Amino acid sequence: MGMTLGGIAAIGAGASLYAMKKSWDPLPSVISAGFTTVDLSPMDSGELRTVEWRGKPVYILKKSADMSKCADRDVQVGNDDYSVGVQICTHLGCIPSYIPANQVFKCACHGGEFDACGKNTFGPPPSPMEIPPFKIDGNKLVLGEEGPEYLRLVGKA
């Protein structure tokens, strides 16, 4: 009788420890939200693509020959230059729209403007748009992982 009770108690203790460990693990949705992979190969020159990363809009702009290059904010993949940034205005958090004809991001909330590199050029935004952590993997951009390209842009390399 005592051995049966001890065996059941051991099984119960093991099940409790397993349940506690599972409750500490991050949810699969949280793990998958950490990284976003974007294939850059089908993008045309001058094309803007917006993707969601951790609930934020992130723009990827493939620079055309007539666009200004920004050595401190652009990343080169192959022979092409790309601008990457979190598409949120640094003034009050609105989402600026990209106007291809003027090659600017225009914030509808208070008229702030950012150039094609994401730098604030007019209005109330106090700073450029944030550069999200990223890594270049061949022709793919992996958001959420700090690669050497990102570290160079933010001055950590």
C-alpha atoms as a PDB file:
ATOM      1  CA  MET A   1       0.000   0.000   0.000  1.00  0.00           C
ATOM      2  CA  GLY A   2       2.819   2.385   0.914  1.00  0.00           C
ATOM      3  CA  MET A   3       4.723   1.673  -2.294  1.00  0.00           C
ATOM      4  CA  THR A   4       1.628   2.291  -4.399  1.00  0.00           C
ATOM      5  CA  LEU A   5       1.046   5.640  -2.681  1.00  0.00           C
ATOM      6  CA  GLY A   6       4.717   6.562  -3.178  1.00  0.00           C
ATOM      7  CA  GLY A   7       4.570   5.629  -6.868  1.00  0.00           C
ATOM      8  CA  ILE A   8       1.462   7.742  -7.457  1.00  0.00           C
ATOM      9  CA  ALA A   9       3.044  10.663  -5.583  1.00  0.00           C
ATOM     10  CA  ALA A  10       6.189  10.389  -7.736  1.00  0.00           C
ATOM     11  CA  ILE A  11       4.139  10.369 -10.931  1.00  0.00           C
ATOM     12  CA  GLY A  12       2.164  13.404  -9.701  1.00  0.00           C
ATOM     13  CA  ALA A  13       5.355  15.273  -8.785  1.00  0.00           C
ATOM     14  CA  GLY A  14       6.862  14.516 -12.217  1.00  0.00           C
ATOM     15  CA  ALA A  15       3.722  15.721 -14.000  1.00  0.00           C
ATOM     16  CA  SER A  16       3.709  18.920 -11.904  1.00  0.00           C
ATOM     17  CA  LEU A  17       7.356  19.666 -12.727  1.00  0.00           C
ATOM     18  CA  TYR A  18       6.708  19.071 -16.447  1.00  0.00           C
ATOM     19  CA  ALA A  19       3.700  21.444 -16.380  1.00  0.00           C
ATOM     20  CA  MET A  20       5.730  24.128 -14.589  1.00  0.00           C
ATOM     21  CA  LYS A  21       8.535  23.849 -17.132  1.00  0.00           C
ATOM     22  CA  LYS A  22       6.077  24.135 -20.053  1.00  0.00           C
ATOM     23  CA  SER A  23       4.558  27.282 -18.497  1.00  0.00           C
ATOM     24  CA  TRP A  24       7.993  28.942 -18.493  1.00  0.00           C
ATOM     25  CA  ASP A  25       8.682  28.239 -22.166  1.00  0.00           C
ATOM     26  CA  PRO A  26       7.762  31.022 -24.613  1.00  0.00           C
ATOM     27  CA  LEU A  27       4.710  30.403 -26.747  1.00  0.00           C
ATOM     28  CA  PRO A  28       5.314  29.290 -30.355  1.00  0.00           C
ATOM     29  CA  SER A  29       3.661  32.507 -31.566  1.00  0.00           C
ATOM     30  CA  VAL A  30       6.197  34.552 -29.598  1.00  0.00           C
ATOM     31  CA  ILE A  31       9.129  32.585 -30.992  1.00  0.00           C
ATOM     32  CA  SER A  32       7.897  32.919 -34.580  1.00  0.00           C
ATOM     33  CA  ALA A  33       7.290  36.665 -34.172  1.00  0.00           C
ATOM     34  CA  GLY A  34      10.967  37.195 -33.398  1.00  0.00           C
ATOM     35  CA  PHE A  35      12.243  36.821 -36.972  1.00  0.00           C
ATOM     36  CA  THR A  36      10.818  37.841 -40.341  1.00  0.00           C
ATOM     37  CA  THR A  37      12.555  36.759 -43.552  1.00  0.00           C
ATOM     38  CA  VAL A  38      12.079  38.779 -46.748  1.00  0.00           C
ATOM     39  CA  ASP A  39      13.268  37.630 -50.177  1.00  0.00           C
ATOM     40  CA  LEU A  40      14.801  40.654 -51.916  1.00  0.00           C
ATOM     41  CA  SER A  41      15.389  39.033 -55.322  1.00  0.00           C
ATOM     42  CA  PRO A  42      11.953  39.780 -56.887  1.00  0.00           C
ATOM     43  CA  MET A  43      12.047  43.491 -55.958  1.00  0.00           C
ATOM     44  CA  ASP A  44      12.255  46.014 -58.801  1.00  0.00           C
ATOM     45  CA  SER A  45      14.383  49.141 -58.749  1.00  0.00           C
ATOM     46  CA  GLY A  46      12.581  51.899 -56.818  1.00  0.00           C
ATOM     47  CA  GLU A  47      10.106  49.439 -55.253  1.00  0.00           C
ATOM     48  CA  LEU A  48       9.002  49.831 -51.644  1.00  0.00           C
ATOM     49  CA  ARG A  49       7.885  46.783 -49.705  1.00  0.00           C
ATOM     50  CA  THR A  50       6.377  47.003 -46.231  1.00  0.00           C
ATOM     51  CA  VAL A  51       6.418  43.966 -43.944  1.00  0.00           C
ATOM     52  CA  GLU A  52       5.318  43.473 -40.362  1.00  0.00           C
ATOM     53  CA  TRP A  53       7.947  42.658 -37.755  1.00  0.00           C
ATOM     54  CA  ARG A  54       6.979  42.361 -34.083  1.00  0.00           C
ATOM     55  CA  GLY A  55       3.789  44.312 -34.772  1.00  0.00           C
ATOM     56  CA  LYS A  56       5.617  47.225 -36.441  1.00  0.00           C
ATOM     57  CA  PRO A  57       5.648  48.194 -40.125  1.00  0.00           C
ATOM     58  CA  VAL A  58       9.153  47.897 -41.588  1.00  0.00           C
ATOM     59  CA  TYR A  59       9.890  49.351 -45.019  1.00  0.00           C
ATOM     60  CA  ILE A  60      12.426  47.965 -47.456  1.00  0.00           C
ATOM     61  CA  LEU A  61      13.198  50.288 -50.359  1.00  0.00           C
ATOM     62  CA  LYS A  62      15.313  49.111 -53.285  1.00  0.00           C
ATOM     63  CA  LYS A  63      17.146  52.206 -54.432  1.00  0.00           C
ATOM     64  CA  SER A  64      17.007  53.191 -58.090  1.00  0.00           C
ATOM     65  CA  ALA A  65      19.872  54.931 -59.907  1.00  0.00           C
ATOM     66  CA  ASP A  66      18.304  58.395 -59.443  1.00  0.00           C
ATOM     67  CA  MET A  67      17.864  58.028 -55.652  1.00  0.00           C
ATOM     68  CA  SER A  68      20.380  59.509 -53.265  1.00  0.00           C
ATOM     69  CA  LYS A  69      22.612  57.003 -51.501  1.00  0.00           C
ATOM     70  CA  CYS A  70      23.165  57.199 -47.749  1.00  0.00           C
ATOM     71  CA  ALA A  71      26.332  55.409 -46.665  1.00  0.00           C
ATOM     72  CA  ASP A  72      25.295  55.666 -43.015  1.00  0.00           C
ATOM     73  CA  ARG A  73      21.828  54.083 -43.542  1.00  0.00           C
ATOM     74  CA  ASP A  74      21.853  52.020 -46.754  1.00  0.00           C
ATOM     75  CA  VAL A  75      22.839  48.383 -47.008  1.00  0.00           C
ATOM     76  CA  GLN A  76      24.260  46.821 -50.154  1.00  0.00           C
ATOM     77  CA  VAL A  77      23.076  43.386 -51.295  1.00  0.00           C
ATOM     78  CA  GLY A  78      24.890  42.277 -54.407  1.00  0.00           C
ATOM     79  CA  ASN A  79      25.046  45.358 -56.661  1.00  0.00           C
ATOM     80  CA  ASP A  80      21.882  46.941 -55.247  1.00  0.00           C
ATOM     81  CA  ASP A  81      21.384  49.397 -52.398  1.00  0.00           C
ATOM     82  CA  TYR A  82      18.473  49.076 -49.973  1.00  0.00           C
ATOM     83  CA  SER A  83      17.115  51.318 -47.259  1.00  0.00           C
ATOM     84  CA  VAL A  84      15.511  49.581 -44.268  1.00  0.00           C
ATOM     85  CA  GLY A  85      13.660  51.188 -41.375  1.00  0.00           C
ATOM     86  CA  VAL A  86      10.743  51.028 -38.994  1.00  0.00           C
ATOM     87  CA  GLN A  87       8.060  53.041 -40.799  1.00  0.00           C
ATOM     88  CA  ILE A  88       6.885  54.950 -37.719  1.00  0.00           C
ATOM     89  CA  CYS A  89       7.233  58.720 -37.370  1.00  0.00           C
ATOM     90  CA  THR A  90       9.569  59.636 -34.522  1.00  0.00           C
ATOM     91  CA  HIS A  91       7.352  62.593 -33.562  1.00  0.00           C
ATOM     92  CA  LEU A  92       4.127  60.959 -32.351  1.00  0.00           C
ATOM     93  CA  GLY A  93       4.175  57.455 -33.813  1.00  0.00           C
ATOM     94  CA  CYS A  94       2.061  57.861 -36.950  1.00  0.00           C
ATOM     95  CA  ILE A  95       2.829  55.790 -40.057  1.00  0.00           C
ATOM     96  CA  PRO A  96       4.242  57.958 -42.866  1.00  0.00           C
ATOM     97  CA  SER A  97       3.246  57.198 -46.464  1.00  0.00           C
ATOM     98  CA  TYR A  98       5.858  56.879 -49.174  1.00  0.00           C
ATOM     99  CA  ILE A  99       5.461  59.236 -52.134  1.00  0.00           C
ATOM    100  CA  PRO A 100       7.525  57.770 -55.019  1.00  0.00           C
ATOM    101  CA  ALA A 101       7.361  60.913 -57.179  1.00  0.00           C
ATOM    102  CA  ASN A 102       9.113  62.977 -54.484  1.00  0.00           C
ATOM    103  CA  GLN A 103      11.049  60.066 -52.968  1.00  0.00           C
ATOM    104  CA  VAL A 104       9.927  61.023 -49.451  1.00  0.00           C
ATOM    105  CA  PHE A 105       7.964  59.547 -46.590  1.00  0.00           C
ATOM    106  CA  LYS A 106       5.249  62.035 -45.593  1.00  0.00           C
ATOM    107  CA  CYS A 107       3.547  61.862 -42.204  1.00  0.00           C
ATOM    108  CA  ALA A 108      -0.101  62.894 -42.409  1.00  0.00           C
ATOM    109  CA  CYS A 109      -0.376  63.694 -38.692  1.00  0.00           C
ATOM    110  CA  HIS A 110       1.814  66.836 -38.535  1.00  0.00           C
ATOM    111  CA  GLY A 111       3.469  67.098 -41.967  1.00  0.00           C
ATOM    112  CA  GLY A 112       6.831  65.623 -41.061  1.00  0.00           C
ATOM    113  CA  GLU A 113       8.988  64.325 -43.899  1.00  0.00           C
ATOM    114  CA  PHE A 114      11.712  61.726 -44.159  1.00  0.00           C
ATOM    115  CA  ASP A 115      13.907  61.175 -47.217  1.00  0.00           C
ATOM    116  CA  ALA A 116      14.261  57.816 -48.977  1.00  0.00           C
ATOM    117  CA  CYS A 117      16.952  56.857 -46.448  1.00  0.00           C
ATOM    118  CA  GLY A 118      14.623  57.423 -43.494  1.00  0.00           C
ATOM    119  CA  LYS A 119      16.295  60.636 -42.305  1.00  0.00           C
ATOM    120  CA  ASN A 120      14.064  63.413 -41.000  1.00  0.00           C
ATOM    121  CA  THR A 121      14.197  66.373 -43.398  1.00  0.00           C
ATOM    122  CA  PHE A 122      11.216  68.583 -42.529  1.00  0.00           C
ATOM    123  CA  GLY A 123       8.735  69.206 -39.760  1.00  0.00           C
ATOM    124  CA  PRO A 124       8.523  68.045 -36.163  1.00  0.00           C
ATOM    125  CA  PRO A 125      10.163  64.574 -36.267  1.00  0.00           C
ATOM    126  CA  PRO A 126      13.174  64.889 -33.923  1.00  0.00           C
ATOM    127  CA  SER A 127      15.180  61.975 -35.334  1.00  0.00           C
ATOM    128  CA  PRO A 128      15.431  59.571 -38.281  1.00  0.00           C
ATOM    129  CA  MET A 129      13.278  56.458 -38.456  1.00  0.00           C
ATOM    130  CA  GLU A 130      14.696  53.586 -36.429  1.00  0.00           C
ATOM    131  CA  ILE A 131      16.744  50.882 -38.157  1.00  0.00           C
ATOM    132  CA  PRO A 132      15.526  47.453 -37.019  1.00  0.00           C
ATOM    133  CA  PRO A 133      18.082  44.727 -36.335  1.00  0.00           C
ATOM    134  CA  PHE A 134      18.655  42.688 -39.492  1.00  0.00           C
ATOM    135  CA  LYS A 135      21.026  40.285 -41.166  1.00  0.00           C
ATOM    136  CA  ILE A 136      21.646  39.653 -44.868  1.00  0.00           C
ATOM    137  CA  ASP A 137      21.549  35.980 -45.839  1.00  0.00           C
ATOM    138  CA  GLY A 138      22.305  35.750 -49.566  1.00  0.00           C
ATOM    139  CA  ASN A 139      19.339  37.536 -51.225  1.00  0.00           C
ATOM    140  CA  LYS A 140      17.253  37.454 -48.049  1.00  0.00           C
ATOM    141  CA  LEU A 141      16.862  40.009 -45.299  1.00  0.00           C
ATOM    142  CA  VAL A 142      16.262  38.490 -41.855  1.00  0.00           C
ATOM    143  CA  LEU A 143      14.644  40.994 -39.492  1.00  0.00           C
ATOM    144  CA  GLY A 144      15.272  40.436 -35.794  1.00  0.00           C
ATOM    145  CA  GLU A 145      18.845  39.189 -36.002  1.00  0.00           C
ATOM    146  CA  GLU A 146      21.875  41.482 -35.684  1.00  0.00           C
ATOM    147  CA  GLY A 147      24.215  40.836 -38.602  1.00  0.00           C
ATOM    148  CA  PRO A 148      27.458  42.639 -39.496  1.00  0.00           C
ATOM    149  CA  GLU A 149      25.590  44.965 -41.888  1.00  0.00           C
ATOM    150  CA  TYR A 150      23.301  46.177 -39.097  1.00  0.00           C
ATOM    151  CA  LEU A 151      26.168  46.540 -36.616  1.00  0.00           C
ATOM    152  CA  ARG A 152      28.057  48.708 -39.155  1.00  0.00           C
ATOM    153  CA  LEU A 153      25.054  51.023 -39.590  1.00  0.00           C
ATOM    154  CA  VAL A 154      24.467  51.519 -35.873  1.00  0.00           C
ATOM    155  CA  GLY A 155      28.178  51.922 -35.118  1.00  0.00           C
ATOM    156  CA  LYS A 156      28.698  48.717 -33.137  1.00  0.00           C
ATOM    157  CA  ALA A 157      31.068  47.047 -35.606  1.00  0.00           C
END
